Amino acid sequence: MANTEEIYSEAILFILDSISSHEKTQLKDDIRLKLDLERELEPITVKGLLVLKRLIEASDLSRTIES
């Protein structure tokens, strides 16, 4: 049985794979802007943003491989 982290990761990857490249670029920009204010965020929020950033990179790599 998959743990909660794996389930969430798969769900997020599924969503990322279905959004347009423009929307994904906006999401990357939003994450970057939020991480620029890292000192004002809770540590768990920063960790979540970094995980999301890595999942976006994995989704981008997957799209590149499929092309």
PDB file of N, CA and C in Angstrom:
ATOM      1  N   MET A   1       0.843  -1.186   0.000  1.00  0.00           N
ATOM      2  CA  MET A   1       0.000   0.000   0.000  1.00  0.00           C
ATOM      3  C   MET A   1       0.881   1.238   0.000  1.00  0.00           C
ATOM      4  N   ALA A   2       0.549   2.183  -0.829  1.00  0.00           N
ATOM      5  CA  ALA A   2       1.309   3.424  -0.941  1.00  0.00           C
ATOM      6  C   ALA A   2       1.046   4.314   0.276  1.00  0.00           C
ATOM      7  N   ASN A   3       2.094   5.036   0.673  1.00  0.00           N
ATOM      8  CA  ASN A   3       1.890   5.954   1.792  1.00  0.00           C
ATOM      9  C   ASN A   3       1.266   7.255   1.291  1.00  0.00           C
ATOM     10  N   THR A   4       0.865   8.080   2.200  1.00  0.00           N
ATOM     11  CA  THR A   4       0.156   9.316   1.871  1.00  0.00           C
ATOM     12  C   THR A   4       1.002  10.224   0.980  1.00  0.00           C
ATOM     13  N   GLU A   5       2.291  10.310   1.254  1.00  0.00           N
ATOM     14  CA  GLU A   5       3.181  11.155   0.452  1.00  0.00           C
ATOM     15  C   GLU A   5       3.206  10.704  -1.010  1.00  0.00           C
ATOM     16  N   GLU A   6       3.267   9.399  -1.231  1.00  0.00           N
ATOM     17  CA  GLU A   6       3.261   8.873  -2.602  1.00  0.00           C
ATOM     18  C   GLU A   6       1.938   9.154  -3.301  1.00  0.00           C
ATOM     19  N   ILE A   7       0.849   9.013  -2.581  1.00  0.00           N
ATOM     20  CA  ILE A   7      -0.474   9.273  -3.154  1.00  0.00           C
ATOM     21  C   ILE A   7      -0.594  10.737  -3.558  1.00  0.00           C
ATOM     22  N   TYR A   8      -0.191  11.643  -2.660  1.00  0.00           N
ATOM     23  CA  TYR A   8      -0.244  13.067  -2.975  1.00  0.00           C
ATOM     24  C   TYR A   8       0.653  13.406  -4.160  1.00  0.00           C
ATOM     25  N   SER A   9       1.846  12.834  -4.185  1.00  0.00           N
ATOM     26  CA  SER A   9       2.779  13.101  -5.282  1.00  0.00           C
ATOM     27  C   SER A   9       2.197  12.663  -6.615  1.00  0.00           C
ATOM     28  N   GLU A  10       1.613  11.489  -6.656  1.00  0.00           N
ATOM     29  CA  GLU A  10       1.002  10.998  -7.899  1.00  0.00           C
ATOM     30  C   GLU A  10      -0.156  11.887  -8.335  1.00  0.00           C
ATOM     31  N   ALA A  11      -0.963  12.325  -7.380  1.00  0.00           N
ATOM     32  CA  ALA A  11      -2.092  13.209  -7.705  1.00  0.00           C
ATOM     33  C   ALA A  11      -1.595  14.541  -8.251  1.00  0.00           C
ATOM     34  N   ILE A  12      -0.562  15.090  -7.638  1.00  0.00           N
ATOM     35  CA  ILE A  12      -0.013  16.368  -8.095  1.00  0.00           C
ATOM     36  C   ILE A  12       0.601  16.212  -9.486  1.00  0.00           C
ATOM     37  N   LEU A  13       1.340  15.128  -9.713  1.00  0.00           N
ATOM     38  CA  LEU A  13       1.916  14.898 -11.042  1.00  0.00           C
ATOM     39  C   LEU A  13       0.830  14.760 -12.092  1.00  0.00           C
ATOM     40  N   PHE A  14      -0.244  14.089 -11.755  1.00  0.00           N
ATOM     41  CA  PHE A  14      -1.367  13.936 -12.687  1.00  0.00           C
ATOM     42  C   PHE A  14      -1.928  15.305 -13.071  1.00  0.00           C
ATOM     43  N   ILE A  15      -2.103  16.160 -12.077  1.00  0.00           N
ATOM     44  CA  ILE A  15      -2.620  17.510 -12.329  1.00  0.00           C
ATOM     45  C   ILE A  15      -1.621  18.320 -13.151  1.00  0.00           C
ATOM     46  N   LEU A  16      -0.353  18.258 -12.795  1.00  0.00           N
ATOM     47  CA  LEU A  16       0.667  19.020 -13.526  1.00  0.00           C
ATOM     48  C   LEU A  16       0.746  18.592 -14.985  1.00  0.00           C
ATOM     49  N   ASP A  17       0.578  17.319 -15.233  1.00  0.00           N
ATOM     50  CA  ASP A  17       0.633  16.817 -16.606  1.00  0.00           C
ATOM     51  C   ASP A  17      -0.550  17.277 -17.441  1.00  0.00           C
ATOM     52  N   SER A  18      -1.605  17.740 -16.787  1.00  0.00           N
ATOM     53  CA  SER A  18      -2.793  18.142 -17.536  1.00  0.00           C
ATOM     54  C   SER A  18      -2.926  19.661 -17.707  1.00  0.00           C
ATOM     55  N   ILE A  19      -2.011  20.431 -17.114  1.00  0.00           N
ATOM     56  CA  ILE A  19      -2.106  21.880 -17.286  1.00  0.00           C
ATOM     57  C   ILE A  19      -1.209  22.326 -18.435  1.00  0.00           C
ATOM     58  N   SER A  20      -1.533  23.476 -18.995  1.00  0.00           N
ATOM     59  CA  SER A  20      -0.772  23.991 -20.139  1.00  0.00           C
ATOM     60  C   SER A  20       0.613  24.461 -19.684  1.00  0.00           C
ATOM     61  N   SER A  21       1.504  24.594 -20.646  1.00  0.00           N
ATOM     62  CA  SER A  21       2.852  25.061 -20.321  1.00  0.00           C
ATOM     63  C   SER A  21       2.816  26.500 -19.793  1.00  0.00           C
ATOM     64  N   HIS A  22       1.867  27.300 -20.286  1.00  0.00           N
ATOM     65  CA  HIS A  22       1.716  28.668 -19.782  1.00  0.00           C
ATOM     66  C   HIS A  22       1.306  28.661 -18.307  1.00  0.00           C
ATOM     67  N   GLU A  23       0.343  27.817 -17.972  1.00  0.00           N
ATOM     68  CA  GLU A  23      -0.096  27.721 -16.574  1.00  0.00           C
ATOM     69  C   GLU A  23       1.033  27.208 -15.681  1.00  0.00           C
ATOM     70  N   LYS A  24       1.806  26.269 -16.211  1.00  0.00           N
ATOM     71  CA  LYS A  24       2.920  25.730 -15.427  1.00  0.00           C
ATOM     72  C   LYS A  24       3.983  26.807 -15.207  1.00  0.00           C
ATOM     73  N   THR A  25       4.218  27.649 -16.211  1.00  0.00           N
ATOM     74  CA  THR A  25       5.170  28.750 -16.067  1.00  0.00           C
ATOM     75  C   THR A  25       4.699  29.726 -15.002  1.00  0.00           C
ATOM     76  N   GLN A  26       3.400  30.019 -14.993  1.00  0.00           N
ATOM     77  CA  GLN A  26       2.841  30.907 -13.962  1.00  0.00           C
ATOM     78  C   GLN A  26       3.022  30.292 -12.572  1.00  0.00           C
ATOM     79  N   LEU A  27       2.799  28.990 -12.472  1.00  0.00           N
ATOM     80  CA  LEU A  27       2.963  28.301 -11.191  1.00  0.00           C
ATOM     81  C   LEU A  27       4.419  28.361 -10.728  1.00  0.00           C
ATOM     82  N   LYS A  28       5.354  28.141 -11.641  1.00  0.00           N
ATOM     83  CA  LYS A  28       6.776  28.230 -11.299  1.00  0.00           C
ATOM     84  C   LYS A  28       7.125  29.628 -10.812  1.00  0.00           C
ATOM     85  N   ASP A  29       6.608  30.647 -11.501  1.00  0.00           N
ATOM     86  CA  ASP A  29       6.863  32.035 -11.088  1.00  0.00           C
ATOM     87  C   ASP A  29       6.291  32.306  -9.701  1.00  0.00           C
ATOM     88  N   ASP A  30       5.087  31.823  -9.444  1.00  0.00           N
ATOM     89  CA  ASP A  30       4.463  32.009  -8.128  1.00  0.00           C
ATOM     90  C   ASP A  30       5.298  31.347  -7.031  1.00  0.00           C
ATOM     91  N   ILE A  31       5.767  30.148  -7.297  1.00  0.00           N
ATOM     92  CA  ILE A  31       6.589  29.446  -6.310  1.00  0.00           C
ATOM     93  C   ILE A  31       7.888  30.213  -6.059  1.00  0.00           C
ATOM     94  N   ARG A  32       8.521  30.667  -7.139  1.00  0.00           N
ATOM     95  CA  ARG A  32       9.764  31.428  -7.006  1.00  0.00           C
ATOM     96  C   ARG A  32       9.549  32.685  -6.166  1.00  0.00           C
ATOM     97  N   LEU A  33       8.457  33.405  -6.434  1.00  0.00           N
ATOM     98  CA  LEU A  33       8.170  34.620  -5.669  1.00  0.00           C
ATOM     99  C   LEU A  33       7.932  34.313  -4.192  1.00  0.00           C
ATOM    100  N   LYS A  34       7.219  33.228  -3.932  1.00  0.00           N
ATOM    101  CA  LYS A  34       6.962  32.859  -2.533  1.00  0.00           C
ATOM    102  C   LYS A  34       8.258  32.448  -1.836  1.00  0.00           C
ATOM    103  N   LEU A  35       9.124  31.721  -2.549  1.00  0.00           N
ATOM    104  CA  LEU A  35      10.387  31.300  -1.946  1.00  0.00           C
ATOM    105  C   LEU A  35      11.327  32.484  -1.731  1.00  0.00           C
ATOM    106  N   ASP A  36      11.146  33.564  -2.489  1.00  0.00           N
ATOM    107  CA  ASP A  36      11.926  34.778  -2.253  1.00  0.00           C
ATOM    108  C   ASP A  36      11.592  35.374  -0.890  1.00  0.00           C
ATOM    109  N   LEU A  37      10.400  35.068  -0.383  1.00  0.00           N
ATOM    110  CA  LEU A  37       9.965  35.539   0.934  1.00  0.00           C
ATOM    111  C   LEU A  37      10.066  34.428   1.975  1.00  0.00           C
ATOM    112  N   GLU A  38      10.989  33.523   1.753  1.00  0.00           N
ATOM    113  CA  GLU A  38      11.124  32.319   2.586  1.00  0.00           C
ATOM    114  C   GLU A  38      11.179  32.638   4.075  1.00  0.00           C
ATOM    115  N   ARG A  39      11.859  33.688   4.438  1.00  0.00           N
ATOM    116  CA  ARG A  39      12.023  34.019   5.863  1.00  0.00           C
ATOM    117  C   ARG A  39      10.696  34.370   6.540  1.00  0.00           C
ATOM    118  N   GLU A  40       9.693  34.712   5.741  1.00  0.00           N
ATOM    119  CA  GLU A  40       8.379  35.064   6.283  1.00  0.00           C
ATOM    120  C   GLU A  40       7.420  33.874   6.333  1.00  0.00           C
ATOM    121  N   LEU A  41       7.861  32.732   5.815  1.00  0.00           N
ATOM    122  CA  LEU A  41       6.996  31.554   5.734  1.00  0.00           C
ATOM    123  C   LEU A  41       7.340  30.542   6.816  1.00  0.00           C
ATOM    124  N   GLU A  42       6.369  29.723   7.134  1.00  0.00           N
ATOM    125  CA  GLU A  42       6.605  28.625   8.069  1.00  0.00           C
ATOM    126  C   GLU A  42       7.509  27.589   7.395  1.00  0.00           C
ATOM    127  N   PRO A  43       8.357  26.910   8.165  1.00  0.00           N
ATOM    128  CA  PRO A  43       9.256  25.904   7.579  1.00  0.00           C
ATOM    129  C   PRO A  43       8.512  24.821   6.778  1.00  0.00           C
ATOM    130  N   ILE A  44       7.352  24.405   7.244  1.00  0.00           N
ATOM    131  CA  ILE A  44       6.602  23.366   6.533  1.00  0.00           C
ATOM    132  C   ILE A  44       6.097  23.887   5.185  1.00  0.00           C
ATOM    133  N   THR A  45       5.786  25.175   5.121  1.00  0.00           N
ATOM    134  CA  THR A  45       5.343  25.781   3.860  1.00  0.00           C
ATOM    135  C   THR A  45       6.496  25.810   2.865  1.00  0.00           C
ATOM    136  N   VAL A  46       7.662  26.185   3.337  1.00  0.00           N
ATOM    137  CA  VAL A  46       8.852  26.213   2.472  1.00  0.00           C
ATOM    138  C   VAL A  46       9.142  24.800   1.963  1.00  0.00           C
ATOM    139  N   LYS A  47       9.075  23.831   2.844  1.00  0.00           N
ATOM    140  CA  LYS A  47       9.322  22.444   2.448  1.00  0.00           C
ATOM    141  C   LYS A  47       8.315  22.010   1.383  1.00  0.00           C
ATOM    142  N   GLY A  48       7.050  22.344   1.578  1.00  0.00           N
ATOM    143  CA  GLY A  48       6.019  21.994   0.606  1.00  0.00           C
ATOM    144  C   GLY A  48       6.253  22.648  -0.744  1.00  0.00           C
ATOM    145  N   LEU A  49       6.660  23.912  -0.742  1.00  0.00           N
ATOM    146  CA  LEU A  49       6.948  24.614  -1.994  1.00  0.00           C
ATOM    147  C   LEU A  49       8.128  23.978  -2.726  1.00  0.00           C
ATOM    148  N   LEU A  50       9.146  23.572  -1.973  1.00  0.00           N
ATOM    149  CA  LEU A  50      10.299  22.929  -2.595  1.00  0.00           C
ATOM    150  C   LEU A  50       9.928  21.570  -3.187  1.00  0.00           C
ATOM    151  N   VAL A  51       9.072  20.830  -2.498  1.00  0.00           N
ATOM    152  CA  VAL A  51       8.603  19.551  -3.030  1.00  0.00           C
ATOM    153  C   VAL A  51       7.800  19.783  -4.305  1.00  0.00           C
ATOM    154  N   LEU A  52       6.926  20.774  -4.287  1.00  0.00           N
ATOM    155  CA  LEU A  52       6.132  21.094  -5.472  1.00  0.00           C
ATOM    156  C   LEU A  52       7.037  21.507  -6.633  1.00  0.00           C
ATOM    157  N   LYS A  53       8.071  22.272  -6.345  1.00  0.00           N
ATOM    158  CA  LYS A  53       9.029  22.691  -7.372  1.00  0.00           C
ATOM    159  C   LYS A  53       9.698  21.457  -8.002  1.00  0.00           C
ATOM    160  N   ARG A  54      10.083  20.488  -7.174  1.00  0.00           N
ATOM    161  CA  ARG A  54      10.710  19.256  -7.691  1.00  0.00           C
ATOM    162  C   ARG A  54       9.718  18.437  -8.510  1.00  0.00           C
ATOM    163  N   LEU A  55       8.470  18.400  -8.082  1.00  0.00           N
ATOM    164  CA  LEU A  55       7.463  17.663  -8.849  1.00  0.00           C
ATOM    165  C   LEU A  55       7.217  18.321 -10.209  1.00  0.00           C
ATOM    166  N   ILE A  56       7.255  19.637 -10.254  1.00  0.00           N
ATOM    167  CA  ILE A  56       7.108  20.339 -11.531  1.00  0.00           C
ATOM    168  C   ILE A  56       8.282  19.986 -12.443  1.00  0.00           C
ATOM    169  N   GLU A  57       9.487  19.960 -11.888  1.00  0.00           N
ATOM    170  CA  GLU A  57      10.658  19.599 -12.681  1.00  0.00           C
ATOM    171  C   GLU A  57      10.519  18.169 -13.211  1.00  0.00           C
ATOM    172  N   ALA A  58      10.011  17.262 -12.391  1.00  0.00           N
ATOM    173  CA  ALA A  58       9.802  15.871 -12.829  1.00  0.00           C
ATOM    174  C   ALA A  58       8.761  15.818 -13.938  1.00  0.00           C
ATOM    175  N   SER A  59       7.705  16.599 -13.811  1.00  0.00           N
ATOM    176  CA  SER A  59       6.668  16.647 -14.837  1.00  0.00           C
ATOM    177  C   SER A  59       7.227  17.198 -16.148  1.00  0.00           C
ATOM    178  N   ASP A  60       8.060  18.239 -16.049  1.00  0.00           N
ATOM    179  CA  ASP A  60       8.688  18.809 -17.242  1.00  0.00           C
ATOM    180  C   ASP A  60       9.585  17.782 -17.921  1.00  0.00           C
ATOM    181  N   LEU A  61      10.338  17.052 -17.125  1.00  0.00           N
ATOM    182  CA  LEU A  61      11.223  16.016 -17.674  1.00  0.00           C
ATOM    183  C   LEU A  61      10.409  14.928 -18.354  1.00  0.00           C
ATOM    184  N   SER A  62       9.303  14.555 -17.751  1.00  0.00           N
ATOM    185  CA  SER A  62       8.435  13.547 -18.331  1.00  0.00           C
ATOM    186  C   SER A  62       7.888  14.006 -19.684  1.00  0.00           C
ATOM    187  N   ARG A  63       7.478  15.268 -19.757  1.00  0.00           N
ATOM    188  CA  ARG A  63       6.985  15.824 -21.027  1.00  0.00           C
ATOM    189  C   ARG A  63       8.085  15.826 -22.078  1.00  0.00           C
ATOM    190  N   THR A  64       9.321  16.146 -21.673  1.00  0.00           N
ATOM    191  CA  THR A  64      10.448  16.177 -22.602  1.00  0.00           C
ATOM    192  C   THR A  64      10.736  14.786 -23.136  1.00  0.00           C
ATOM    193  N   ILE A  65      10.692  13.790 -22.279  1.00  0.00           N
ATOM    194  CA  ILE A  65      10.968  12.414 -22.681  1.00  0.00           C
ATOM    195  C   ILE A  65       9.889  11.914 -23.636  1.00  0.00           C
ATOM    196  N   GLU A  66       8.637  12.279 -23.380  1.00  0.00           N
ATOM    197  CA  GLU A  66       7.520  11.835 -24.212  1.00  0.00           C
ATOM    198  C   GLU A  66       7.529  12.497 -25.585  1.00  0.00           C
ATOM    199  N   SER A  67       8.174  13.663 -25.699  1.00  0.00           N
ATOM    200  CA  SER A  67       8.174  14.395 -26.985  1.00  0.00           C
ATOM    201  C   SER A  67       9.100  13.779 -28.001  1.00  0.00           C
TER     202      SER A  67
END
